[in-house]
Protein backbone atom coordinates (compact mmCIF):
# COMPACT_ATOMS: atom_id res chain seq x y z
CA MET A 1 78.42 -19.09 21.44
CA PRO A 2 74.83 -20.30 21.88
CA TYR A 3 71.85 -18.40 20.59
CA PRO A 4 69.69 -16.58 23.20
CA ASN A 5 67.88 -18.99 25.53
CA GLU A 6 69.56 -21.98 23.88
CA ARG A 7 70.90 -24.72 26.15
CA ALA A 8 73.67 -27.10 25.20
CA GLY A 9 72.50 -30.62 24.42
CA PHE A 10 74.29 -33.97 24.40
CA PHE A 11 74.36 -34.52 20.63
CA ALA A 12 78.02 -33.56 20.21
CA VAL A 13 79.04 -35.60 23.30
CA ARG A 14 77.27 -38.68 21.95
CA ASP A 15 79.03 -38.24 18.60
CA LEU A 16 82.41 -37.97 20.33
CA GLU A 17 81.70 -41.19 22.21
CA ARG A 18 80.40 -43.01 19.15
CA ARG A 19 83.41 -42.07 17.08
CA GLN A 20 85.87 -42.76 19.94
CA ILE A 21 87.71 -39.53 19.11
CA ILE A 22 88.95 -38.91 22.67
CA GLU A 23 90.04 -42.52 23.13
CA ALA A 24 92.02 -42.39 19.88
CA PHE A 25 93.69 -39.14 20.90
CA GLY A 26 94.50 -40.55 24.35
CA GLY A 27 96.24 -43.49 22.73
CA GLN A 28 98.58 -41.10 20.92
CA LEU A 29 99.20 -38.79 23.91
CA GLU A 30 102.54 -39.30 25.62
CA GLN A 31 102.01 -39.88 29.32
CA GLY A 32 103.49 -37.33 31.71
CA SER A 33 104.31 -37.56 35.39
CA ASN A 34 101.88 -36.70 38.16
CA LEU A 35 103.27 -33.66 39.94
CA PRO A 36 102.23 -34.54 43.52
CA ARG A 37 104.21 -37.80 43.26
CA ASP A 38 107.39 -35.98 42.28
CA PRO A 39 109.80 -35.13 45.09
CA LEU A 40 109.76 -31.52 46.16
CA PRO A 41 112.58 -29.38 44.77
CA ALA A 42 115.10 -27.89 47.16
CA PHE A 43 112.95 -25.49 49.16
CA GLU A 44 115.30 -23.99 51.74
CA PRO A 45 114.42 -22.32 55.05
CA PHE A 46 114.83 -18.60 54.56
CA ARG A 47 116.45 -16.11 56.88
CA GLN A 48 114.62 -12.85 57.44
CA THR A 49 116.62 -9.68 57.71
CA ASN A 50 116.09 -6.93 60.27
CA ASN A 51 116.80 -4.28 57.64
CA LEU A 52 113.30 -4.10 56.19
CA ARG A 53 113.10 -1.39 53.51
CA SER A 54 111.19 1.62 54.76
CA THR A 55 109.27 2.23 51.52
CA VAL A 56 107.63 0.09 48.86
CA VAL A 57 106.83 1.61 45.46
CA ALA A 58 104.32 -0.52 43.55
CA LEU A 59 103.39 -0.16 39.87
CA ASP A 60 100.40 -1.66 38.12
CA GLY A 61 98.49 -1.03 34.93
CA SER A 62 94.95 -1.51 33.69
CA SER A 63 93.22 -1.09 30.35
CA ILE A 64 89.76 -1.16 28.83
CA TYR A 65 89.08 -1.69 25.12
CA HIS A 66 85.53 -1.45 23.82
CA ARG A 67 83.37 -0.58 20.83
CA ILE A 68 81.81 2.86 20.40
CA PRO A 69 78.16 2.02 19.61
CA ALA A 70 76.10 3.32 16.69
CA ARG A 71 79.06 3.89 14.39
CA LEU A 72 79.84 2.22 11.08
CA PRO A 73 82.22 0.78 10.24
CA ALA A 74 82.83 -0.75 13.68
CA THR A 75 84.70 1.89 15.69
CA GLU A 76 86.57 1.21 18.93
CA ALA A 77 88.68 2.96 21.55
CA GLY A 78 90.50 2.15 24.75
CA VAL A 79 91.78 3.66 28.00
CA ILE A 80 95.12 2.84 29.62
CA SER A 81 95.79 3.58 33.29
CA ILE A 82 99.16 3.17 35.06
CA SER A 83 99.35 3.69 38.83
CA ILE A 84 102.40 4.20 41.03
CA VAL A 85 101.78 3.89 44.76
CA GLN A 86 104.30 4.65 47.49
CA ILE A 87 103.70 2.78 50.77
CA ASN A 88 105.38 3.66 54.07
CA VAL A 89 106.27 0.24 55.48
CA ASP A 90 107.15 1.58 58.93
CA GLN A 91 103.70 3.12 59.33
CA LEU A 92 102.08 0.01 57.88
CA ALA A 93 103.62 -2.19 60.57
CA ASN A 94 102.01 -0.08 63.31
CA LEU A 95 98.45 -0.15 61.95
CA SER A 96 95.78 -1.94 63.96
CA GLN A 97 93.79 -4.83 62.52
CA LEU A 98 90.03 -5.20 62.37
CA PRO A 99 88.88 -7.57 65.15
CA GLU A 100 86.76 -9.94 63.02
CA SER A 101 88.72 -10.35 59.78
CA GLY A 102 92.22 -9.46 60.99
CA ALA A 103 92.57 -7.16 57.96
CA ILE A 104 94.04 -3.68 58.21
CA ASP A 105 91.46 -0.91 58.45
CA PRO A 106 91.25 0.51 54.86
CA VAL A 107 90.99 4.07 56.15
CA GLN A 108 94.21 3.70 58.12
CA LEU A 109 95.86 1.89 55.22
CA ARG A 110 95.27 4.79 52.86
CA SER A 111 97.02 7.09 55.33
CA THR A 112 100.29 5.20 54.73
CA GLU A 113 100.35 5.64 50.96
CA ASP A 114 100.69 8.23 48.24
CA GLY A 115 100.13 7.67 44.54
CA ARG A 116 100.19 9.06 41.01
CA THR A 117 98.37 7.83 37.94
CA LEU A 118 99.16 8.10 34.22
CA GLN A 119 96.04 7.76 32.08
CA ARG A 120 95.41 8.07 28.37
CA ALA A 121 92.62 7.33 25.90
CA LEU A 122 93.82 5.67 22.69
CA PRO A 123 92.02 5.14 19.39
CA GLY A 124 91.11 1.65 18.22
CA ARG A 125 90.10 0.39 14.81
CA ASN A 126 88.34 2.82 12.48
CA ALA A 127 88.63 5.70 15.00
CA ARG A 128 89.69 8.68 12.89
CA SER A 129 90.62 12.09 14.30
CA VAL A 130 88.98 15.39 13.33
CA ASP A 131 92.26 16.61 11.87
CA GLY A 132 92.26 13.80 9.32
CA LYS A 133 94.49 11.18 10.92
CA MET A 134 93.57 7.62 10.04
CA SER A 135 93.15 5.28 13.01
CA ARG A 136 96.59 3.66 12.83
CA ASP A 137 98.45 6.96 12.52
CA TRP A 138 96.32 8.51 15.26
CA PHE A 139 97.21 5.57 17.51
CA ARG A 140 100.91 6.01 16.74
CA SER A 141 100.91 9.76 17.37
CA SER A 142 98.90 9.33 20.60
CA VAL A 143 101.46 6.88 21.98
CA GLN A 144 104.27 9.20 20.91
CA GLU A 145 102.59 12.12 22.71
CA VAL A 146 102.40 10.09 25.94
CA LEU A 147 106.11 9.31 25.72
CA GLU A 148 107.07 12.92 25.01
CA THR A 149 105.02 14.46 27.84
CA ALA A 150 104.80 11.93 30.70
CA HIS A 151 107.49 11.61 33.35
CA PHE A 152 107.95 10.46 36.93
CA GLY A 153 111.63 11.10 37.42
CA GLY A 154 112.69 14.28 35.62
CA GLU A 155 113.24 13.05 32.09
CA THR A 156 110.34 12.10 29.85
CA LEU A 157 109.37 8.51 29.08
CA ALA A 158 110.66 9.13 25.55
CA GLU A 159 114.11 9.95 26.92
CA THR A 160 113.94 6.81 29.04
CA LEU A 161 113.05 4.79 25.95
CA HIS A 162 116.04 6.26 24.11
CA ALA A 163 118.28 5.19 26.99
CA LEU A 164 116.96 1.63 26.90
CA LEU A 165 117.37 1.35 23.15
CA GLY A 166 121.01 2.26 23.67
CA ASN A 167 123.62 4.26 21.83
CA THR A 168 123.39 1.84 18.91
CA ASN A 169 119.69 2.55 18.41
CA THR A 170 120.40 4.16 15.04
CA GLN A 171 121.11 0.63 13.81
CA ARG A 172 117.75 -0.69 15.01
CA THR A 173 115.36 -0.80 12.09
CA ILE A 174 111.57 -0.89 12.09
CA LYS A 175 109.01 -1.32 9.37
CA CYS A 176 108.02 1.97 7.81
CA PRO A 177 104.51 2.86 9.10
CA ASN A 178 103.46 3.50 5.50
CA ILE A 179 102.01 0.09 4.59
CA HIS A 180 102.85 0.71 0.92
CA CYS A 181 106.54 1.29 1.70
CA LYS A 182 108.92 -1.65 2.08
CA SER A 183 111.66 0.37 3.73
CA LYS A 184 113.04 -0.38 7.19
CA PRO A 185 114.14 3.03 8.46
CA ALA A 186 116.21 3.45 11.60
CA THR A 187 114.73 4.50 14.93
CA PRO A 188 115.17 8.27 15.47
CA SER A 189 118.71 8.84 16.69
CA LEU A 190 119.66 9.77 20.25
CA GLY A 191 118.20 13.16 21.15
CA GLN A 192 115.53 13.03 18.46
CA MET A 193 111.90 12.01 18.91
CA ARG A 194 110.91 11.91 15.26
CA SER A 195 112.51 11.42 11.86
CA ARG A 196 111.53 10.74 8.25
CA CYS A 197 111.63 7.67 6.05
CA LYS A 198 114.19 8.39 3.35
CA LYS A 199 112.23 6.37 0.81
CA CYS A 200 108.65 7.66 1.21
CA ASP A 201 109.07 10.62 3.63
CA SER A 202 106.60 9.17 6.15
CA GLU A 203 107.07 10.44 9.70
CA ILE A 204 108.83 7.96 12.00
CA PHE A 205 108.16 8.16 15.73
CA LEU A 206 110.42 6.92 18.51
CA SER A 207 107.39 4.97 19.81
CA ASP A 208 107.41 2.97 16.56
CA ALA A 209 110.35 1.03 18.06
CA LEU A 210 107.77 -0.75 20.26
CA ARG A 211 106.10 -2.01 17.03
CA ALA A 212 102.57 -2.07 18.45
CA GLN A 213 101.41 -0.43 15.22
CA GLU A 214 102.35 -3.60 13.35
CA ILE A 215 99.42 -5.46 14.94
CA PHE A 216 97.00 -2.52 14.67
CA SER A 217 94.35 -3.08 12.01
CA ASP A 218 90.94 -1.70 11.06
CA GLU A 219 89.83 -5.22 10.21
CA GLU A 220 89.79 -6.59 13.76
CA PRO A 221 89.85 -5.38 17.40
CA CYS A 222 93.15 -3.81 18.47
CA GLY A 223 93.12 -4.70 22.16
CA ASP A 224 96.43 -6.56 21.75
CA ALA A 225 98.11 -3.41 20.44
CA HIS A 226 96.74 -1.44 23.40
CA GLY A 227 97.91 -4.16 25.80
CA ARG A 228 101.40 -4.08 24.34
CA ILE A 229 101.61 -0.32 24.92
CA ARG A 230 100.27 -0.66 28.47
CA HIS A 231 102.98 -3.23 29.25
CA ALA A 232 105.67 -1.02 27.73
CA LEU A 233 104.45 1.99 29.72
CA GLU A 234 104.61 0.00 32.98
CA ILE A 235 108.26 -0.85 32.27
CA LEU A 236 109.12 2.67 31.13
CA CYS A 237 107.52 4.21 34.23
CA LEU A 238 109.64 1.96 36.46
CA MET A 239 112.85 2.76 34.62
CA ASN A 240 111.93 6.44 34.52
CA LEU A 241 111.66 6.44 38.32
CA LEU A 242 114.91 4.57 38.80
CA ARG A 243 116.89 6.76 36.40
CA GLY A 244 115.48 9.95 37.91
CA LEU A 245 116.48 8.98 41.45
CA ALA A 246 119.88 7.67 40.35
CA LYS A 247 120.85 11.07 38.92
CA ILE A 248 121.16 12.75 42.33
CA LYS A 249 122.99 11.74 45.51
CA ASN A 250 119.91 11.98 47.71
CA GLY A 251 118.05 9.87 45.19
CA GLN A 252 120.77 7.22 45.23
CA ALA A 253 120.52 7.06 49.01
CA ALA A 254 116.73 6.70 48.72
CA LEU A 255 117.07 3.84 46.22
CA GLY A 256 118.81 1.79 48.91
CA LYS A 257 115.74 2.14 51.14
CA ILE A 258 113.02 1.43 48.56
CA ALA A 259 111.66 -1.85 47.25
CA PHE A 260 110.15 -1.50 43.78
CA VAL A 261 107.35 -3.95 43.01
CA LEU A 262 105.64 -4.57 39.66
CA ASP A 263 102.62 -6.62 38.76
CA GLY A 264 103.32 -9.57 36.49
CA PRO A 265 106.65 -11.02 35.35
CA LEU A 266 109.80 -8.92 35.10
CA ALA A 267 109.92 -9.39 31.36
CA ALA A 268 109.36 -7.66 28.03
CA PHE A 269 107.60 -9.99 25.60
CA SER A 270 106.95 -10.01 21.87
CA THR A 271 108.06 -6.88 19.99
CA ILE A 272 108.82 -4.90 23.16
CA ALA A 273 111.50 -7.48 24.00
CA VAL A 274 113.74 -4.90 22.32
CA LEU A 275 113.76 -3.22 25.76
CA GLN A 276 115.17 -6.17 27.70
CA SER A 277 118.89 -5.75 27.07
CA GLY A 278 118.67 -2.04 27.86
CA ILE A 279 116.81 -2.74 31.10
CA LEU A 280 119.50 -5.20 32.22
CA ARG A 281 122.20 -2.67 31.35
CA GLU A 282 120.46 0.16 33.23
CA LEU A 283 119.78 -1.96 36.32
CA ARG A 284 123.45 -2.88 36.52
CA ARG A 285 124.56 0.73 36.03
CA ILE A 286 122.28 1.93 38.84
CA GLU A 287 123.31 -0.97 41.10
CA GLU A 288 126.95 0.08 40.77
CA LEU A 289 126.06 3.66 41.72
CA LEU A 290 124.46 2.50 44.99
CA SER A 291 127.40 0.56 46.44
CA PRO A 292 127.51 -0.59 49.21
CA ASN A 293 123.68 -0.54 49.09
CA HIS A 294 121.68 -2.55 46.57
CA LEU A 295 118.79 -2.04 44.17
CA LEU A 296 115.70 -4.12 44.95
CA VAL A 297 113.26 -4.63 42.07
CA MET A 298 110.77 -7.48 42.24
CA SER A 299 107.34 -8.46 40.96
CA ALA A 300 104.44 -10.66 41.95
CA VAL A 301 102.90 -13.04 39.40
CA LYS A 302 99.31 -14.24 39.85
CA THR A 303 98.78 -16.55 36.85
CA GLY A 304 100.70 -18.60 34.32
CA ALA A 305 102.68 -21.82 34.04
CA PHE A 306 104.90 -21.18 37.07
CA VAL A 307 102.02 -20.29 39.38
CA GLN A 308 100.06 -23.34 38.25
CA HIS A 309 103.06 -25.63 38.64
CA PHE A 310 103.80 -24.69 42.24
CA SER A 311 100.11 -24.64 43.12
CA GLU A 312 99.82 -28.26 41.94
CA LEU A 313 103.08 -29.16 43.67
CA ASP A 314 101.65 -27.83 46.93
CA GLU A 315 98.42 -29.86 46.73
CA ALA A 316 99.17 -33.19 48.41
CA PRO A 317 97.81 -34.38 50.76
CA GLU A 318 95.56 -31.30 50.64
CA PRO A 319 95.78 -27.86 48.97
CA ASP A 320 98.56 -25.55 50.15
CA SER A 321 100.01 -28.14 52.50
CA ARG A 322 103.03 -29.76 50.90
CA ILE A 323 105.60 -26.98 50.65
CA PRO A 324 107.05 -26.32 54.13
CA LEU A 325 106.29 -22.99 55.78
CA GLY A 326 109.12 -20.48 55.92
CA THR A 327 110.94 -21.78 52.84
CA ALA A 328 111.90 -20.47 49.40
CA PHE A 329 113.09 -21.91 46.10
CA LEU A 330 114.94 -20.37 43.13
CA PRO A 331 114.27 -22.60 40.08
CA ASP A 332 117.31 -22.89 37.84
CA ASN A 333 117.25 -23.33 34.09
CA ASP A 334 117.36 -27.15 34.26
CA TYR A 335 114.33 -27.30 36.59
CA ILE A 336 112.34 -24.84 34.49
CA ARG A 337 113.04 -26.67 31.23
CA GLU A 338 112.35 -30.12 32.69
CA LYS A 339 109.31 -29.37 34.85
CA ILE A 340 107.62 -26.15 33.73
CA VAL A 341 108.46 -24.71 30.29
CA PRO A 342 110.06 -27.27 27.95
CA GLY A 343 112.54 -25.71 25.57
CA THR A 344 112.40 -25.95 21.80
CA THR A 345 115.96 -24.63 21.46
CA ASP A 346 119.18 -24.79 23.46
CA GLN A 347 118.69 -21.18 24.56
CA PRO A 348 118.23 -20.77 28.33
CA TRP A 349 114.75 -19.92 29.54
CA GLY A 350 113.99 -16.18 29.50
CA ARG A 351 117.33 -15.29 27.93
CA THR A 352 115.93 -12.59 25.61
CA THR A 353 112.81 -11.49 27.47
CA TYR A 354 113.22 -11.60 31.27
CA PHE A 355 115.08 -9.08 33.42
CA GLY A 356 114.25 -10.93 36.65
CA ARG A 357 114.44 -14.52 37.86
CA PRO A 358 111.66 -16.68 39.36
CA LEU A 359 111.39 -17.07 43.13
CA VAL A 360 108.81 -19.08 45.10
CA VAL A 361 108.19 -18.21 48.75
CA LYS A 362 106.01 -20.04 51.29
CA THR A 363 105.64 -17.63 54.19
CA TYR A 364 105.36 -18.66 57.82
CA ASP A 365 101.64 -17.91 57.80
CA GLY A 366 101.04 -20.06 54.70
CA GLN A 367 101.11 -17.57 51.83
CA ARG A 368 102.55 -19.08 48.65
CA LEU A 369 103.92 -16.18 46.60
CA PHE A 370 105.44 -16.50 43.16
CA LEU A 371 107.82 -13.62 42.57
CA ASN A 372 110.34 -12.41 40.03
CA LEU A 373 113.50 -10.83 41.41
CA ALA A 374 115.93 -8.64 39.47
CA GLN A 375 119.60 -9.46 39.92
CA PRO A 376 121.62 -6.54 38.52
CA GLU A 377 124.93 -7.89 39.83
CA ALA A 378 124.68 -11.07 37.70
CA ASP A 379 125.15 -11.78 34.02
CA PRO A 380 122.36 -13.50 32.05
CA PRO A 381 121.04 -16.11 32.11
CA LEU A 382 119.92 -15.18 35.61
CA THR A 383 118.52 -18.66 36.30
CA ASP A 384 122.09 -20.00 36.40
CA ALA A 385 123.46 -17.21 38.62
CA PRO A 386 124.25 -17.54 42.36
CA PHE A 387 121.74 -16.36 44.96
CA PRO A 388 120.86 -12.65 44.53
CA VAL A 389 122.39 -10.32 47.12
CA VAL A 390 118.91 -8.94 47.98
CA LEU A 391 117.30 -12.37 48.29
CA ASN A 392 116.73 -12.22 52.05
CA GLU A 393 115.42 -8.66 51.84
CA ALA A 394 112.97 -9.64 49.11
CA ILE A 395 111.74 -12.63 51.09
CA THR A 396 111.35 -10.49 54.22
CA ILE A 397 109.16 -8.05 52.29
CA ALA A 398 107.13 -10.95 50.92
CA GLU A 399 106.75 -12.34 54.45
CA HIS A 400 105.52 -9.01 55.79
CA LEU A 401 103.29 -8.00 52.87
CA GLY A 402 101.76 -11.28 51.71
CA ILE A 403 98.04 -11.11 52.51
CA GLY A 404 94.77 -12.88 51.74
CA HIS A 405 95.06 -15.97 49.57
CA HIS A 406 98.54 -15.80 48.06
CA GLU A 407 98.26 -12.06 47.33
CA PHE A 408 100.74 -9.19 47.66
CA LEU A 409 99.53 -6.07 49.45
CA PRO A 410 101.47 -3.40 47.49
CA LEU A 411 100.10 -4.62 44.18
CA ARG A 412 96.57 -4.81 45.51
CA ARG A 413 96.84 -1.13 46.46
CA ALA A 414 98.40 -0.15 43.12
CA HIS A 415 95.75 -2.10 41.24
CA ALA A 416 93.01 -0.41 43.26
CA LYS A 417 94.23 2.96 41.99
CA ALA A 418 94.91 1.90 38.40
CA ALA A 419 91.98 -0.43 37.70
CA ILE A 420 89.05 0.80 35.67
CA PRO A 421 85.91 -1.21 36.58
CA LEU A 422 84.91 -3.21 33.50
CA GLN A 423 81.31 -2.05 33.17
CA MET A 424 82.19 1.53 34.07
CA GLY A 425 85.05 1.53 31.58
CA LYS A 426 82.76 0.27 28.84
CA ALA A 427 80.24 2.97 29.73
CA ILE A 428 82.95 5.62 29.48
CA ILE A 429 83.86 4.50 25.95
CA GLU A 430 80.21 4.12 24.95
CA SER A 431 79.66 7.73 26.03
CA LEU A 432 81.78 8.73 23.02
CA ALA A 433 78.81 7.80 20.84
CA ARG A 434 77.03 10.83 22.32
CA ALA A 435 80.05 13.11 22.17
CA LYS A 436 79.85 16.06 19.84
């Protein structure tokens, strides 16, 4: 970072040129193919269905992590916000558009939706509680409290987490939260939220199975730990909703009329990948309960390797012009490994992290949407499975709800309710410096 009022000069650029560093590196770089010259993959015309789901439930999360000023050592905190928005698609289709922009009147739009928000402040590094908890233990207990108290579908998020960990969760071991203990105690058994380490008697929380505490440290910012919990909460809120509805007959009937939409990939990365197998198992269980109807869970992805790949593929002869309108493409494992994410092992792409498969849609009005689509009826790896049974329904929803520049309306509305404006969020955390 430059000093105040300092402008970058050309000294470093001249040295790079003089030493021919870039030229030498270029000589060693293996040449790749230019995407626009590659043939398009098999984008197929899609068939819209007349059975558009009457309701869309969208989930999105937001978080702010910031320093509390005037405290030594450096003390930080964060806020996590998860929003669930229910949109009445039938009402949405009948709304009038503004004459100049063609957008839906925001006042009318809000009349079609209903939402709930889960919010929680979490400690960061060096934030100690008045009852004597050190920052790491306060973080752990705060996450555990969220799981034990929050719910959207009857049971608590903690009970949902137990279900995803499975009946064999007593065999899952985690690092003891006591940094001086080398034990790997088991996750609290089914029906229990807390247990004790048999070696040092430290309290073990069910939330410790997410292992966010392992990257929590007083020596550096803990935004990654907060982000990991936010991601886990998004997944748990979705599964909490699904499990709650699936427990009752009326709920099962409703599941066949709802499309569930998340922001970001349908995946559990890093340490929370422990959830993936349980999610796949639960989705299949619920799918079997709904027969002859089907569960529709999808997500919209805005950034990343897949989005960039298909954006570049769509560039020639001009941006957004190459992929035919009204078509869709389901990349299989071979295409992903050859064109997008090269593999370092023989394991199929997404085998241990994803619970949805990639889907690219180019709508009739030119929206290019990159989606993930769950396929409960198929066995992993999903990228080698046949077409999902809800494929046409998912594409129809994308066709109706793709707006703006490759954006997805339900997630825009969910994000609007969950998002904490950056400067305002920082101000909220900074206000803790004046708290008594």
